């Protein structure tokens, strides 16, 4: 492990922050295109994700469905200003089907998803110059964000997942329903994948999975490993 400085060309601004990087090479592939979309090409109808809802409902989606849902999500997020290097904090999505589609969509945009394990949105969004928060509508951070909105220095976009969506938040489902056809932009980096897991300190991971320092039972670790090894991701 070593501390490094990394600079992203963000859609709206250039942000610089320090984080700890795992001892793996960077820039070999883009996971969303080279793994998720390839699964669709190789096995169109095979099971990609099985989601168990809090109410007990089971939802199965195929490789083709996962590509479609991530494409329309990427289209919507790009229209909302999320782009290369945009820092996007995720809260509560591990309890939603959109966990898989949002992570894949952010990869397609070469944005930087951040999982905040300490649920400290103001301090951590400010430290990493966050552009967007995507949160489950029932997440405990929603009222915290709303009551502290004037304290955010860079936050420009709040997106909620699930109905009813909170007041003054954009609704992901509405945006996705109105989305058009997503096309991979020609100016995206050819080899790019990232994720930041923010526990005590922000830990950056590149496209090499499984993560070498993450716990083996972490949901994001399971998602990337299952996708790369051709297994259905069940959660």
C-alpha atoms as a PDB file:
ATOM      1  CA  UNK A   1       0.000   0.000   0.000  1.00  0.00           C
ATOM      2  CA  UNK A   2       1.193   3.505  -0.685  1.00  0.00           C
ATOM      3  CA  UNK A   3      -0.170   7.012  -0.718  1.00  0.00           C
ATOM      4  CA  UNK A   4      -0.433   8.613  -4.098  1.00  0.00           C
ATOM      5  CA  UNK A   5      -1.886  11.726  -5.663  1.00  0.00           C
ATOM      6  CA  UNK A   6      -4.279  11.262  -8.537  1.00  0.00           C
ATOM      7  CA  UNK A   7      -5.922  13.906 -10.698  1.00  0.00           C
ATOM      8  CA  UNK A   8      -9.245  13.530 -12.517  1.00  0.00           C
ATOM      9  CA  UNK A   9     -10.556  15.700 -15.322  1.00  0.00           C
ATOM     10  CA  UNK A  10     -14.035  16.231 -13.925  1.00  0.00           C
ATOM     11  CA  UNK A  11     -16.904  17.385 -16.112  1.00  0.00           C
ATOM     12  CA  UNK A  12     -17.340  20.640 -14.184  1.00  0.00           C
ATOM     13  CA  UNK A  13     -14.013  21.107 -12.468  1.00  0.00           C
ATOM     14  CA  UNK A  14     -10.613  19.544 -11.929  1.00  0.00           C
ATOM     15  CA  UNK A  15     -10.364  17.931  -8.519  1.00  0.00           C
ATOM     16  CA  UNK A  16      -7.245  16.732  -6.808  1.00  0.00           C
ATOM     17  CA  UNK A  17      -7.248  14.493  -3.780  1.00  0.00           C
ATOM     18  CA  UNK A  18      -4.994  12.053  -2.015  1.00  0.00           C
ATOM     19  CA  UNK A  19      -5.968   8.484  -1.290  1.00  0.00           C
ATOM     20  CA  UNK A  20      -4.438   5.109  -0.602  1.00  0.00           C
ATOM     21  CA  UNK A  21      -4.017   2.874  -3.639  1.00  0.00           C
ATOM     22  CA  UNK A  22      -3.801  -0.913  -3.618  1.00  0.00           C
ATOM     23  CA  UNK A  23      -0.601  -2.413  -5.001  1.00  0.00           C
ATOM     24  CA  UNK A  24      -2.013  -3.390  -8.363  1.00  0.00           C
ATOM     25  CA  UNK A  25      -1.444  -2.053 -11.848  1.00  0.00           C
ATOM     26  CA  UNK A  26      -3.726   0.634 -13.269  1.00  0.00           C
ATOM     27  CA  UNK A  27      -5.370   1.081 -16.624  1.00  0.00           C
ATOM     28  CA  UNK A  28      -5.764  -2.408 -18.076  1.00  0.00           C
ATOM     29  CA  UNK A  29      -9.440  -2.289 -19.023  1.00  0.00           C
ATOM     30  CA  UNK A  30     -12.819  -0.734 -18.409  1.00  0.00           C
ATOM     31  CA  UNK A  31     -14.805  -3.251 -16.393  1.00  0.00           C
ATOM     32  CA  UNK A  32     -18.237  -2.120 -17.602  1.00  0.00           C
ATOM     33  CA  UNK A  33     -17.420  -2.471 -21.281  1.00  0.00           C
ATOM     34  CA  UNK A  34     -14.884  -5.283 -21.218  1.00  0.00           C
ATOM     35  CA  UNK A  35     -16.663  -7.553 -18.734  1.00  0.00           C
ATOM     36  CA  UNK A  36     -20.352  -6.597 -18.396  1.00  0.00           C
ATOM     37  CA  UNK A  37     -21.006  -5.884 -22.068  1.00  0.00           C
ATOM     38  CA  UNK A  38     -18.883  -8.843 -23.162  1.00  0.00           C
ATOM     39  CA  UNK A  39     -21.046 -11.159 -21.050  1.00  0.00           C
ATOM     40  CA  UNK A  40     -24.050  -9.936 -23.009  1.00  0.00           C
ATOM     41  CA  UNK A  41     -22.289 -10.587 -26.302  1.00  0.00           C
ATOM     42  CA  UNK A  42     -21.177 -14.059 -25.234  1.00  0.00           C
ATOM     43  CA  UNK A  43     -24.393 -15.206 -23.548  1.00  0.00           C
ATOM     44  CA  UNK A  44     -27.347 -12.947 -24.232  1.00  0.00           C
ATOM     45  CA  UNK A  45     -30.004 -14.659 -22.116  1.00  0.00           C
ATOM     46  CA  UNK A  46     -27.885 -16.088 -19.291  1.00  0.00           C
ATOM     47  CA  UNK A  47     -28.630 -14.959 -15.735  1.00  0.00           C
ATOM     48  CA  UNK A  48     -26.566 -11.952 -14.677  1.00  0.00           C
ATOM     49  CA  UNK A  49     -28.189 -10.723 -11.445  1.00  0.00           C
ATOM     50  CA  UNK A  50     -30.618 -12.220  -8.948  1.00  0.00           C
ATOM     51  CA  UNK A  51     -31.875  -9.644  -6.465  1.00  0.00           C
ATOM     52  CA  UNK A  52     -33.803 -10.454  -3.286  1.00  0.00           C
ATOM     53  CA  UNK A  53     -35.925  -7.455  -2.336  1.00  0.00           C
ATOM     54  CA  UNK A  54     -36.583  -6.532   1.318  1.00  0.00           C
ATOM     55  CA  UNK A  55     -40.177  -7.730   0.825  1.00  0.00           C
ATOM     56  CA  UNK A  56     -39.017 -11.168  -0.320  1.00  0.00           C
ATOM     57  CA  UNK A  57     -39.564 -10.697  -4.047  1.00  0.00           C
ATOM     58  CA  UNK A  58     -36.910 -12.208  -6.319  1.00  0.00           C
ATOM     59  CA  UNK A  59     -35.928 -10.421  -9.520  1.00  0.00           C
ATOM     60  CA  UNK A  60     -33.808 -12.134 -12.171  1.00  0.00           C
ATOM     61  CA  UNK A  61     -32.183 -10.197 -14.995  1.00  0.00           C
ATOM     62  CA  UNK A  62     -30.172 -11.513 -17.912  1.00  0.00           C
ATOM     63  CA  UNK A  63     -26.867 -10.289 -19.291  1.00  0.00           C
ATOM     64  CA  UNK A  64     -28.801  -8.419 -21.972  1.00  0.00           C
ATOM     65  CA  UNK A  65     -31.037  -6.800 -19.353  1.00  0.00           C
ATOM     66  CA  UNK A  66     -28.047  -5.681 -17.286  1.00  0.00           C
ATOM     67  CA  UNK A  67     -26.456  -4.070 -20.311  1.00  0.00           C
ATOM     68  CA  UNK A  68     -29.714  -2.327 -21.194  1.00  0.00           C
ATOM     69  CA  UNK A  69     -30.403  -1.036 -17.686  1.00  0.00           C
ATOM     70  CA  UNK A  70     -26.832   0.195 -17.251  1.00  0.00           C
ATOM     71  CA  UNK A  71     -26.922   1.874 -20.671  1.00  0.00           C
ATOM     72  CA  UNK A  72     -30.080   3.891 -19.969  1.00  0.00           C
ATOM     73  CA  UNK A  73     -28.752   4.771 -16.507  1.00  0.00           C
ATOM     74  CA  UNK A  74     -25.495   5.966 -18.054  1.00  0.00           C
ATOM     75  CA  UNK A  75     -27.442   8.004 -20.616  1.00  0.00           C
ATOM     76  CA  UNK A  76     -29.448   9.718 -17.874  1.00  0.00           C
ATOM     77  CA  UNK A  77     -26.453  10.402 -15.639  1.00  0.00           C
ATOM     78  CA  UNK A  78     -24.487  11.842 -18.547  1.00  0.00           C
ATOM     79  CA  UNK A  79     -27.377  14.171 -19.367  1.00  0.00           C
ATOM     80  CA  UNK A  80     -27.264  15.273 -15.717  1.00  0.00           C
ATOM     81  CA  UNK A  81     -23.614  16.227 -16.030  1.00  0.00           C
ATOM     82  CA  UNK A  82     -21.824  13.131 -14.745  1.00  0.00           C
ATOM     83  CA  UNK A  83     -18.737  12.466 -16.821  1.00  0.00           C
ATOM     84  CA  UNK A  84     -15.094  11.462 -16.788  1.00  0.00           C
ATOM     85  CA  UNK A  85     -13.763  11.756 -13.234  1.00  0.00           C
ATOM     86  CA  UNK A  86     -17.023  12.992 -11.697  1.00  0.00           C
ATOM     87  CA  UNK A  87     -17.036  11.884  -8.055  1.00  0.00           C
ATOM     88  CA  UNK A  88     -20.360  10.219  -7.187  1.00  0.00           C
ATOM     89  CA  UNK A  89     -21.141   9.101  -3.623  1.00  0.00           C
ATOM     90  CA  UNK A  90     -23.449   6.085  -3.215  1.00  0.00           C
ATOM     91  CA  UNK A  91     -25.603   5.534  -0.123  1.00  0.00           C
ATOM     92  CA  UNK A  92     -27.899   2.603   0.625  1.00  0.00           C
ATOM     93  CA  UNK A  93     -27.780   1.066  -2.835  1.00  0.00           C
ATOM     94  CA  UNK A  94     -26.665  -2.291  -1.443  1.00  0.00           C
ATOM     95  CA  UNK A  95     -30.353  -2.760  -0.564  1.00  0.00           C
ATOM     96  CA  UNK A  96     -31.564  -1.974  -4.089  1.00  0.00           C
ATOM     97  CA  UNK A  97     -31.467  -3.699  -7.472  1.00  0.00           C
ATOM     98  CA  UNK A  98     -29.859  -0.509  -8.835  1.00  0.00           C
ATOM     99  CA  UNK A  99     -26.627  -1.339  -7.013  1.00  0.00           C
ATOM    100  CA  UNK A 100     -25.478  -3.326 -10.057  1.00  0.00           C
ATOM    101  CA  UNK A 101     -26.834  -0.998 -12.744  1.00  0.00           C
ATOM    102  CA  UNK A 102     -25.538   2.233 -11.192  1.00  0.00           C
ATOM    103  CA  UNK A 103     -22.032   0.835 -10.617  1.00  0.00           C
ATOM    104  CA  UNK A 104     -21.913  -0.401 -14.206  1.00  0.00           C
ATOM    105  CA  UNK A 105     -23.272   2.887 -15.576  1.00  0.00           C
ATOM    106  CA  UNK A 106     -20.698   4.954 -13.684  1.00  0.00           C
ATOM    107  CA  UNK A 107     -17.981   2.741 -15.139  1.00  0.00           C
ATOM    108  CA  UNK A 108     -19.282   3.406 -18.641  1.00  0.00           C
ATOM    109  CA  UNK A 109     -18.966   7.134 -17.978  1.00  0.00           C
ATOM    110  CA  UNK A 110     -15.536   6.753 -16.362  1.00  0.00           C
ATOM    111  CA  UNK A 111     -16.899   8.445 -13.269  1.00  0.00           C
ATOM    112  CA  UNK A 112     -15.656   7.675  -9.746  1.00  0.00           C
ATOM    113  CA  UNK A 113     -18.176   5.871  -7.495  1.00  0.00           C
ATOM    114  CA  UNK A 114     -17.495   6.264  -3.779  1.00  0.00           C
ATOM    115  CA  UNK A 115     -18.886   3.963  -1.075  1.00  0.00           C
ATOM    116  CA  UNK A 116     -18.868   5.888   2.219  1.00  0.00           C
ATOM    117  CA  UNK A 117     -18.791   3.302   5.006  1.00  0.00           C
ATOM    118  CA  UNK A 118     -18.944   5.917   7.771  1.00  0.00           C
ATOM    119  CA  UNK A 119     -22.051   7.720   6.389  1.00  0.00           C
ATOM    120  CA  UNK A 120     -20.478  11.165   6.744  1.00  0.00           C
ATOM    121  CA  UNK A 121     -21.650  12.888   3.563  1.00  0.00           C
ATOM    122  CA  UNK A 122     -20.755  16.512   4.259  1.00  0.00           C
ATOM    123  CA  UNK A 123     -17.162  16.031   5.382  1.00  0.00           C
ATOM    124  CA  UNK A 124     -16.351  13.341   2.839  1.00  0.00           C
ATOM    125  CA  UNK A 125     -18.099  14.852  -0.171  1.00  0.00           C
ATOM    126  CA  UNK A 126     -16.225  18.082   0.501  1.00  0.00           C
ATOM    127  CA  UNK A 127     -12.907  16.291   0.855  1.00  0.00           C
ATOM    128  CA  UNK A 128     -13.267  14.498  -2.483  1.00  0.00           C
ATOM    129  CA  UNK A 129     -15.029  17.347  -4.335  1.00  0.00           C
ATOM    130  CA  UNK A 130     -18.135  15.266  -4.963  1.00  0.00           C
ATOM    131  CA  UNK A 131     -20.377  16.295  -7.839  1.00  0.00           C
ATOM    132  CA  UNK A 132     -23.300  13.952  -7.141  1.00  0.00           C
ATOM    133  CA  UNK A 133     -24.928  11.823  -4.461  1.00  0.00           C
ATOM    134  CA  UNK A 134     -27.092   8.834  -5.409  1.00  0.00           C
ATOM    135  CA  UNK A 135     -28.995   7.516  -2.401  1.00  0.00           C
ATOM    136  CA  UNK A 136     -31.749   5.048  -1.649  1.00  0.00           C
ATOM    137  CA  UNK A 137     -34.845   7.040  -0.721  1.00  0.00           C
ATOM    138  CA  UNK A 138     -34.942   5.463   2.755  1.00  0.00           C
ATOM    139  CA  UNK A 139     -31.233   6.002   3.474  1.00  0.00           C
ATOM    140  CA  UNK A 140     -30.443   7.777   6.732  1.00  0.00           C
ATOM    141  CA  UNK A 141     -28.182  10.206   4.872  1.00  0.00           C
ATOM    142  CA  UNK A 142     -31.067  11.797   2.939  1.00  0.00           C
ATOM    143  CA  UNK A 143     -32.255  14.064   5.805  1.00  0.00           C
ATOM    144  CA  UNK A 144     -28.631  14.730   6.753  1.00  0.00           C
ATOM    145  CA  UNK A 145     -27.850  15.941   3.237  1.00  0.00           C
ATOM    146  CA  UNK A 146     -30.982  18.074   3.089  1.00  0.00           C
ATOM    147  CA  UNK A 147     -30.426  19.722   6.462  1.00  0.00           C
ATOM    148  CA  UNK A 148     -26.766  20.445   5.665  1.00  0.00           C
ATOM    149  CA  UNK A 149     -27.066  21.376   2.001  1.00  0.00           C
ATOM    150  CA  UNK A 150     -25.432  24.798   2.440  1.00  0.00           C
ATOM    151  CA  UNK A 151     -22.307  23.144   3.838  1.00  0.00           C
ATOM    152  CA  UNK A 152     -21.478  21.248   0.646  1.00  0.00           C
ATOM    153  CA  UNK A 153     -18.822  23.044  -1.388  1.00  0.00           C
ATOM    154  CA  UNK A 154     -19.028  21.152  -4.678  1.00  0.00           C
ATOM    155  CA  UNK A 155     -22.210  19.050  -4.623  1.00  0.00           C
ATOM    156  CA  UNK A 156     -24.486  19.904  -7.531  1.00  0.00           C
ATOM    157  CA  UNK A 157     -26.748  16.883  -7.947  1.00  0.00           C
ATOM    158  CA  UNK A 158     -28.876  14.722  -5.636  1.00  0.00           C
ATOM    159  CA  UNK A 159     -30.526  11.617  -7.108  1.00  0.00           C
ATOM    160  CA  UNK A 160     -32.856   9.327  -5.191  1.00  0.00           C
ATOM    161  CA  UNK A 161     -33.592   5.653  -5.871  1.00  0.00           C
ATOM    162  CA  UNK A 162     -37.021   4.328  -4.947  1.00  0.00           C
ATOM    163  CA  UNK A 163     -40.529   5.658  -4.449  1.00  0.00           C
ATOM    164  CA  UNK A 164     -41.516   7.979  -2.943  1.00  0.00           C
ATOM    165  CA  UNK A 165     -38.509  10.102  -3.791  1.00  0.00           C
ATOM    166  CA  UNK A 166     -37.566  12.873  -1.344  1.00  0.00           C
ATOM    167  CA  UNK A 167     -38.468  16.465  -2.029  1.00  0.00           C
ATOM    168  CA  UNK A 168     -35.810  18.406  -3.957  1.00  0.00           C
ATOM    169  CA  UNK A 169     -34.125  15.215  -5.178  1.00  0.00           C
ATOM    170  CA  UNK A 170     -34.142  13.963  -8.745  1.00  0.00           C
ATOM    171  CA  UNK A 171     -35.759  10.543  -9.235  1.00  0.00           C
ATOM    172  CA  UNK A 172     -33.528   7.988 -10.953  1.00  0.00           C
ATOM    173  CA  UNK A 173     -36.471   5.895 -12.161  1.00  0.00           C
ATOM    174  CA  UNK A 174     -38.145   8.838 -13.890  1.00  0.00           C
ATOM    175  CA  UNK A 175     -34.898   9.854 -15.553  1.00  0.00           C
ATOM    176  CA  UNK A 176     -34.150   6.350 -16.775  1.00  0.00           C
ATOM    177  CA  UNK A 177     -37.647   5.897 -18.213  1.00  0.00           C
ATOM    178  CA  UNK A 178     -37.086   8.985 -20.366  1.00  0.00           C
ATOM    179  CA  UNK A 179     -33.555   8.027 -21.396  1.00  0.00           C
ATOM    180  CA  UNK A 180     -32.511   7.587 -24.997  1.00  0.00           C
ATOM    181  CA  UNK A 181     -30.016   5.241 -26.615  1.00  0.00           C
ATOM    182  CA  UNK A 182     -26.603   5.296 -24.989  1.00  0.00           C
ATOM    183  CA  UNK A 183     -23.539   5.413 -27.194  1.00  0.00           C
ATOM    184  CA  UNK A 184     -20.040   5.048 -25.818  1.00  0.00           C
ATOM    185  CA  UNK A 185     -18.406   8.476 -26.272  1.00  0.00           C
ATOM    186  CA  UNK A 186     -15.365   8.459 -28.522  1.00  0.00           C
ATOM    187  CA  UNK A 187     -13.375  10.663 -26.134  1.00  0.00           C
ATOM    188  CA  UNK A 188     -13.561   8.380 -23.091  1.00  0.00           C
ATOM    189  CA  UNK A 189     -10.292   6.919 -21.795  1.00  0.00           C
ATOM    190  CA  UNK A 190      -9.651   3.600 -23.483  1.00  0.00           C
ATOM    191  CA  UNK A 191      -8.677   1.844 -20.250  1.00  0.00           C
ATOM    192  CA  UNK A 192     -10.394   3.054 -17.126  1.00  0.00           C
ATOM    193  CA  UNK A 193     -12.126   1.577 -14.089  1.00  0.00           C
ATOM    194  CA  UNK A 194     -12.264   2.931 -10.543  1.00  0.00           C
ATOM    195  CA  UNK A 195     -13.959   2.635  -7.192  1.00  0.00           C
ATOM    196  CA  UNK A 196     -13.255   4.383  -3.906  1.00  0.00           C
ATOM    197  CA  UNK A 197     -14.226   2.672  -0.653  1.00  0.00           C
ATOM    198  CA  UNK A 198     -14.145   5.313   2.061  1.00  0.00           C
ATOM    199  CA  UNK A 199     -13.744   3.826   5.527  1.00  0.00           C
ATOM    200  CA  UNK A 200     -11.342   5.624   7.844  1.00  0.00           C
ATOM    201  CA  UNK A 201      -9.449   6.786   4.769  1.00  0.00           C
ATOM    202  CA  UNK A 202     -10.420   6.662   1.091  1.00  0.00           C
ATOM    203  CA  UNK A 203      -9.107   3.480  -0.499  1.00  0.00           C
ATOM    204  CA  UNK A 204      -8.839   3.448  -4.282  1.00  0.00           C
ATOM    205  CA  UNK A 205      -9.177   0.260  -6.315  1.00  0.00           C
ATOM    206  CA  UNK A 206      -8.496  -0.199  -9.982  1.00  0.00           C
ATOM    207  CA  UNK A 207      -9.755  -2.859 -12.373  1.00  0.00           C
ATOM    208  CA  UNK A 208      -7.954  -5.787 -10.738  1.00  0.00           C
ATOM    209  CA  UNK A 209     -10.376  -7.996  -8.799  1.00  0.00           C
ATOM    210  CA  UNK A 210     -10.801  -9.449  -6.277  1.00  0.00           C
ATOM    211  CA  UNK A 211      -9.666  -6.531  -4.170  1.00  0.00           C
ATOM    212  CA  UNK A 212      -6.525  -7.342  -2.278  1.00  0.00           C
ATOM    213  CA  UNK A 213      -7.363  -5.399   0.867  1.00  0.00           C
ATOM    214  CA  UNK A 214     -11.166  -5.489   0.896  1.00  0.00           C
ATOM    215  CA  UNK A 215     -13.058  -7.959   3.037  1.00  0.00           C
ATOM    216  CA  UNK A 216     -14.153 -11.013   1.100  1.00  0.00           C
ATOM    217  CA  UNK A 217     -17.786 -10.503   2.102  1.00  0.00           C
ATOM    218  CA  UNK A 218     -18.102  -6.960   0.745  1.00  0.00           C
ATOM    219  CA  UNK A 219     -20.884  -6.596  -1.786  1.00  0.00           C
ATOM    220  CA  UNK A 220     -18.857  -4.627  -4.317  1.00  0.00           C
ATOM    221  CA  UNK A 221     -16.112  -7.263  -4.189  1.00  0.00           C
ATOM    222  CA  UNK A 222     -18.670 -10.012  -4.813  1.00  0.00           C
ATOM    223  CA  UNK A 223     -20.206  -8.093  -7.722  1.00  0.00           C
ATOM    224  CA  UNK A 224     -16.950  -7.620  -9.603  1.00  0.00           C
ATOM    225  CA  UNK A 225     -15.698 -11.149  -8.925  1.00  0.00           C
ATOM    226  CA  UNK A 226     -18.973 -12.804  -9.986  1.00  0.00           C
ATOM    227  CA  UNK A 227     -19.211 -10.694 -13.125  1.00  0.00           C
ATOM    228  CA  UNK A 228     -15.648 -11.369 -14.188  1.00  0.00           C
ATOM    229  CA  UNK A 229     -15.853 -15.098 -13.512  1.00  0.00           C
ATOM    230  CA  UNK A 230     -19.145 -15.493 -15.389  1.00  0.00           C
ATOM    231  CA  UNK A 231     -21.339 -16.301 -12.382  1.00  0.00           C
ATOM    232  CA  UNK A 232     -24.705 -14.708 -11.569  1.00  0.00           C
ATOM    233  CA  UNK A 233     -24.443 -11.963  -8.950  1.00  0.00           C
ATOM    234  CA  UNK A 234     -26.964 -12.735  -6.205  1.00  0.00           C
ATOM    235  CA  UNK A 235     -27.703 -10.339  -3.370  1.00  0.00           C
END
